Amino acid sequence: MAGERAYYSMIQFCPDASKLEAANIGVLLYCPDKNFIKAKVARRNKRVAQFFGRTSFDPERLKAFKRAFQTRFEVDRVAFRTIADVEQFIATRANQIRMTPLRPMRSMNPQADLETLFNDLVGGPVYQRSPRIPFPELDSALRQPTFERRIEFDRMVEVPTLRKKLAIPYAYKNGVLNLVKPCEFSGSQDQAIRRAEVLAVDGHLLHKHSVSLEIPMQLVVVSRFAPGLSDVRKRVVSLFGELQVQHWAFEEIDRLIEKVGTEARP
């Protein structure tokens, strides 16, 4: 049979797992021989509304889930090197967004075949994601209804002394104002160090000049380091600690989400 071996999985919305009823909202195509893995999800919720009614889902929450799936396989594609990696990810889906077991196929052109699968099995406009989100898992979690009114999104703060603006995707209060800044460190070691130095100075100045305020500020960096930067990572974490910047590794995101859920207040 022509083409390379490939596998696809349907991304589905399942409001009640006990009923085993689901609506297709997207598709994933994995072609290991071409190092291709990509998901496409529907922009609209028409199919979900037709299947289960418009009151069966929270549009904003479903949008966040879609955004997470659309970006996950691009920003973290190195985590999916084998079929077992993809199957493990599918097996861990436990919320209203589910994925079917991988189904084999042959593919000559993965991108074109992904388009065909989407048109045949889902249909409708494709979700067009906005600027890339570094860690979609974190973004999706913090936009859930349980965090409503406890998380502030897209805040701009001014760094004292330097008088520059710093974009903060997420902020929450627990006695201090935590400014959560996801950051991917890649490129050369020198580039990673320079970026860390800038963040460390920003965080130090924010902390130093806000300690006398009613709600002091704390910069919280959530990091992911490219392969080959393990030595740099140790130096960066040490630097953050010395300059009062709180640090969380990408692998600790679940713990961070749990901490925010426990401590964040309106």
Protein backbone atom coordinates (compact mmCIF):
# COMPACT_ATOMS: atom_id res chain seq x y z
CA MET A 1 0.00 0.00 0.00
CA ALA A 2 1.33 3.46 -0.93
CA GLY A 3 2.32 5.98 1.67
CA GLU A 4 3.93 5.96 5.08
CA ARG A 5 2.34 4.37 8.14
CA ALA A 6 0.19 6.83 10.05
CA TYR A 7 -2.40 6.88 12.81
CA TYR A 8 -5.36 9.12 13.53
CA SER A 9 -7.54 9.77 16.56
CA MET A 10 -10.82 11.62 16.85
CA ILE A 11 -11.04 14.42 19.41
CA GLN A 12 -14.49 14.32 20.93
CA PHE A 13 -16.72 16.19 23.36
CA CYS A 14 -18.34 13.79 25.85
CA PRO A 15 -20.50 15.57 28.49
CA ASP A 16 -21.46 12.35 30.29
CA ALA A 17 -18.92 9.53 30.20
CA SER A 18 -21.44 7.02 31.54
CA LYS A 19 -23.58 7.36 28.38
CA LEU A 20 -20.65 6.85 25.97
CA GLU A 21 -22.08 9.53 23.66
CA ALA A 22 -19.69 11.92 21.98
CA ALA A 23 -19.50 14.54 19.23
CA ASN A 24 -16.46 14.86 16.98
CA ILE A 25 -14.81 18.26 17.40
CA GLY A 26 -11.37 17.58 15.94
CA VAL A 27 -8.85 15.06 14.68
CA LEU A 28 -5.22 14.20 15.38
CA LEU A 29 -2.87 12.73 12.77
CA TYR A 30 0.42 11.11 13.73
CA CYS A 31 2.92 10.00 11.10
CA PRO A 32 6.07 8.80 12.92
CA ASP A 33 8.12 8.15 9.77
CA LYS A 34 7.72 11.81 8.77
CA ASN A 35 7.98 13.18 12.33
CA PHE A 36 4.52 14.68 11.88
CA ILE A 37 1.93 15.15 14.61
CA LYS A 38 -0.79 17.75 14.43
CA ALA A 39 -4.37 18.32 15.57
CA LYS A 40 -7.17 20.32 13.98
CA VAL A 41 -10.28 21.31 15.93
CA ALA A 42 -13.54 22.94 14.90
CA ARG A 43 -13.90 26.65 15.48
CA ARG A 44 -17.62 26.50 16.13
CA ASN A 45 -19.65 24.39 18.53
CA LYS A 46 -22.48 23.63 16.11
CA ARG A 47 -21.98 19.85 16.17
CA VAL A 48 -21.86 19.77 19.99
CA ALA A 49 -25.02 21.89 20.21
CA GLN A 50 -26.81 19.62 17.72
CA PHE A 51 -25.87 16.49 19.65
CA PHE A 52 -26.37 17.63 23.22
CA GLY A 53 -28.05 21.06 23.21
CA ARG A 54 -26.54 24.49 23.84
CA THR A 55 -26.87 24.19 27.61
CA SER A 56 -24.67 21.08 27.73
CA PHE A 57 -21.39 22.97 27.59
CA ASP A 58 -19.63 26.15 28.70
CA PRO A 59 -18.52 27.90 25.46
CA GLU A 60 -15.50 29.60 27.07
CA ARG A 61 -14.32 26.43 28.77
CA LEU A 62 -14.72 24.41 25.57
CA LYS A 63 -12.83 27.10 23.68
CA ALA A 64 -9.96 26.83 26.17
CA PHE A 65 -9.85 23.06 25.77
CA LYS A 66 -9.77 23.39 22.00
CA ARG A 67 -6.97 25.91 22.17
CA ALA A 68 -4.97 23.57 24.39
CA PHE A 69 -5.33 20.68 21.96
CA GLN A 70 -4.57 22.85 18.93
CA THR A 71 -1.27 23.96 20.42
CA ARG A 72 -0.18 20.98 22.55
CA PHE A 73 1.15 18.87 19.71
CA GLU A 74 3.09 21.79 18.25
CA VAL A 75 4.76 23.31 21.30
CA ASP A 76 5.49 19.98 22.96
CA ARG A 77 5.93 17.75 19.93
CA VAL A 78 9.26 16.39 21.19
CA ALA A 79 7.29 14.57 23.89
CA PHE A 80 5.58 12.42 21.24
CA ARG A 81 8.40 10.39 19.72
CA THR A 82 6.67 7.00 19.68
CA ILE A 83 3.22 5.50 19.28
CA ALA A 84 3.34 4.62 22.97
CA ASP A 85 3.84 8.32 23.84
CA VAL A 86 0.70 9.27 21.92
CA GLU A 87 -1.31 6.37 23.33
CA GLN A 88 -0.27 7.36 26.86
CA PHE A 89 -1.48 10.92 26.27
CA ILE A 90 -4.80 9.64 24.91
CA ALA A 91 -5.24 7.35 27.91
CA THR A 92 -4.87 10.24 30.36
CA ARG A 93 -7.71 12.31 28.91
CA ALA A 94 -10.25 12.27 31.73
CA ASN A 95 -12.35 15.41 31.25
CA GLN A 96 -15.13 16.17 28.77
CA ILE A 97 -12.65 16.19 25.90
CA ARG A 98 -11.78 12.61 24.96
CA MET A 99 -9.76 10.96 22.21
CA THR A 100 -10.47 7.69 20.45
CA PRO A 101 -7.81 4.95 20.26
CA LEU A 102 -5.32 5.38 17.42
CA ARG A 103 -6.49 3.96 14.10
CA PRO A 104 -3.95 2.97 11.42
CA MET A 105 -3.87 4.39 7.91
CA ARG A 106 -1.35 5.20 5.16
CA SER A 107 -0.30 8.73 4.31
CA MET A 108 1.53 10.23 1.35
CA ASN A 109 1.03 13.82 2.48
CA PRO A 110 0.23 14.14 6.21
CA GLN A 111 -0.91 17.77 6.05
CA ALA A 112 -3.26 17.10 3.15
CA ASP A 113 -4.53 13.91 4.78
CA LEU A 114 -5.21 15.79 8.03
CA GLU A 115 -7.33 18.28 6.08
CA THR A 116 -9.26 15.42 4.44
CA LEU A 117 -9.86 13.67 7.75
CA PHE A 118 -11.11 16.88 9.32
CA ASN A 119 -13.45 17.66 6.42
CA ASP A 120 -14.84 14.12 6.31
CA LEU A 121 -15.20 13.44 10.02
CA VAL A 122 -15.72 16.86 11.61
CA GLY A 123 -16.44 19.55 9.05
CA GLY A 124 -16.97 23.28 9.47
CA PRO A 125 -14.42 26.09 9.98
CA VAL A 126 -11.13 25.23 11.64
CA TYR A 127 -10.21 26.85 14.95
CA GLN A 128 -7.56 29.47 14.26
CA ARG A 129 -5.43 29.89 17.31
CA SER A 130 -4.22 33.28 18.41
CA PRO A 131 -0.57 33.96 19.26
CA ARG A 132 1.14 30.84 20.52
CA ILE A 133 0.59 29.97 24.15
CA PRO A 134 3.76 28.55 25.74
CA PHE A 135 2.05 26.07 28.05
CA PRO A 136 -1.53 25.32 26.89
CA GLU A 137 -2.10 22.93 29.81
CA LEU A 138 -1.57 25.76 32.30
CA ASP A 139 -3.67 28.20 30.28
CA SER A 140 -6.55 25.75 29.93
CA ALA A 141 -6.55 24.91 33.65
CA LEU A 142 -6.49 28.53 34.83
CA ARG A 143 -9.39 29.45 32.55
CA GLN A 144 -11.72 26.87 34.04
CA PRO A 145 -14.82 28.13 35.90
CA THR A 146 -13.36 27.07 39.26
CA PHE A 147 -10.84 29.92 38.94
CA GLU A 148 -13.39 32.53 37.92
CA ARG A 149 -12.74 35.94 39.54
CA ARG A 150 -9.60 34.58 41.18
CA ILE A 151 -7.27 34.85 38.17
CA GLU A 152 -6.49 38.06 36.31
CA PHE A 153 -5.44 37.61 32.70
CA ASP A 154 -3.13 39.67 30.49
CA ARG A 155 -1.98 42.20 33.05
CA MET A 156 0.69 44.80 32.25
CA VAL A 157 2.99 45.92 35.05
CA GLU A 158 5.70 48.55 35.09
CA VAL A 159 9.11 47.45 36.32
CA PRO A 160 10.39 50.09 38.79
CA THR A 161 13.63 51.93 37.99
CA LEU A 162 13.73 50.52 34.45
CA ARG A 163 10.29 51.96 33.74
CA LYS A 164 9.49 49.29 31.20
CA LYS A 165 6.30 47.32 30.72
CA LEU A 166 6.19 43.60 31.48
CA ALA A 167 3.36 41.48 30.07
CA ILE A 168 1.97 39.03 32.62
CA PRO A 169 -0.43 36.36 31.28
CA TYR A 170 -1.78 35.34 34.71
CA ALA A 171 -1.93 36.97 38.14
CA TYR A 172 -3.45 35.84 41.42
CA LYS A 173 -3.47 36.95 45.06
CA ASN A 174 -2.66 34.91 48.16
CA GLY A 175 -1.31 37.65 50.41
CA VAL A 176 0.99 38.79 47.62
CA LEU A 177 0.24 39.50 43.97
CA ASN A 178 1.77 36.60 42.07
CA LEU A 179 2.71 37.53 38.51
CA VAL A 180 2.91 34.24 36.61
CA LYS A 181 5.18 34.38 33.56
CA PRO A 182 5.64 31.19 31.45
CA CYS A 183 8.98 31.16 29.67
CA GLU A 184 10.63 28.79 27.20
CA PHE A 185 14.42 28.78 27.19
CA SER A 186 15.93 27.67 23.90
CA GLY A 187 18.72 28.57 21.51
CA SER A 188 22.28 28.84 22.74
CA GLN A 189 23.38 28.77 26.38
CA ASP A 190 24.28 32.47 26.18
CA GLN A 191 20.82 33.35 24.87
CA ALA A 192 19.12 31.38 27.64
CA ILE A 193 21.29 33.02 30.31
CA ARG A 194 20.61 36.51 28.96
CA ARG A 195 16.88 35.95 28.98
CA ALA A 196 17.04 34.62 32.53
CA GLU A 197 19.09 37.61 33.66
CA VAL A 198 16.46 40.02 32.31
CA LEU A 199 13.65 38.17 34.08
CA ALA A 200 15.64 37.93 37.31
CA VAL A 201 16.33 41.68 37.38
CA ASP A 202 12.69 42.46 36.55
CA GLY A 203 11.51 40.18 39.34
CA HIS A 204 13.99 41.58 41.85
CA LEU A 205 12.94 45.17 41.17
CA LEU A 206 9.25 44.31 41.35
CA HIS A 207 9.77 42.58 44.70
CA LYS A 208 12.10 45.20 46.15
CA HIS A 209 9.91 48.19 45.34
CA SER A 210 6.62 46.59 46.38
CA VAL A 211 7.49 45.16 49.83
CA SER A 212 6.08 48.28 51.50
CA LEU A 213 2.81 48.13 49.56
CA GLU A 214 -0.40 46.63 50.92
CA ILE A 215 -0.04 43.76 48.44
CA PRO A 216 3.61 43.10 47.49
CA MET A 217 4.40 41.67 44.06
CA GLN A 218 6.14 38.38 43.33
CA LEU A 219 7.32 37.32 39.88
CA VAL A 220 6.64 33.61 39.27
CA VAL A 221 8.49 32.11 36.30
CA VAL A 222 7.27 28.81 34.87
CA SER A 223 10.09 27.45 32.72
CA ARG A 224 10.79 24.86 30.10
CA PHE A 225 14.35 24.33 28.87
CA ALA A 226 15.27 22.92 25.50
CA PRO A 227 17.26 19.67 25.40
CA GLY A 228 20.94 20.35 25.96
CA LEU A 229 20.41 23.21 28.42
CA SER A 230 20.33 21.15 31.63
CA ASP A 231 23.49 22.82 32.98
CA VAL A 232 22.06 26.26 32.20
CA ARG A 233 18.84 25.32 33.96
CA LYS A 234 20.66 24.79 37.27
CA ARG A 235 22.35 28.19 36.99
CA VAL A 236 19.09 29.92 36.08
CA VAL A 237 17.16 28.38 38.98
CA SER A 238 19.93 29.47 41.35
CA LEU A 239 19.87 33.00 39.93
CA PHE A 240 16.10 33.25 40.34
CA GLY A 241 16.37 32.13 43.95
CA GLU A 242 18.99 34.78 44.77
CA LEU A 243 16.89 37.58 43.27
CA GLN A 244 13.53 36.68 44.87
CA VAL A 245 11.96 35.20 41.74
CA GLN A 246 9.79 32.17 42.38
CA HIS A 247 10.42 29.34 39.93
CA TRP A 248 8.35 26.37 38.75
CA ALA A 249 9.53 23.84 36.17
CA PHE A 250 7.25 22.76 33.33
CA GLU A 251 7.12 19.31 34.93
CA GLU A 252 5.63 20.85 38.08
CA ILE A 253 2.65 22.51 36.39
CA ASP A 254 0.12 20.18 38.05
CA ARG A 255 1.47 21.11 41.48
CA LEU A 256 1.36 24.81 40.60
CA ILE A 257 -2.26 24.54 39.45
CA GLU A 258 -3.13 22.76 42.70
CA LYS A 259 -1.39 25.49 44.71
CA VAL A 260 -3.23 28.26 42.86
CA GLY A 261 -6.53 26.41 43.31
CA THR A 262 -5.94 26.17 47.05
CA GLU A 263 -4.55 29.65 47.72
CA ALA A 264 -5.89 32.09 45.10
CA ARG A 265 -8.55 34.47 46.33
CA PRO A 266 -10.65 37.19 44.65
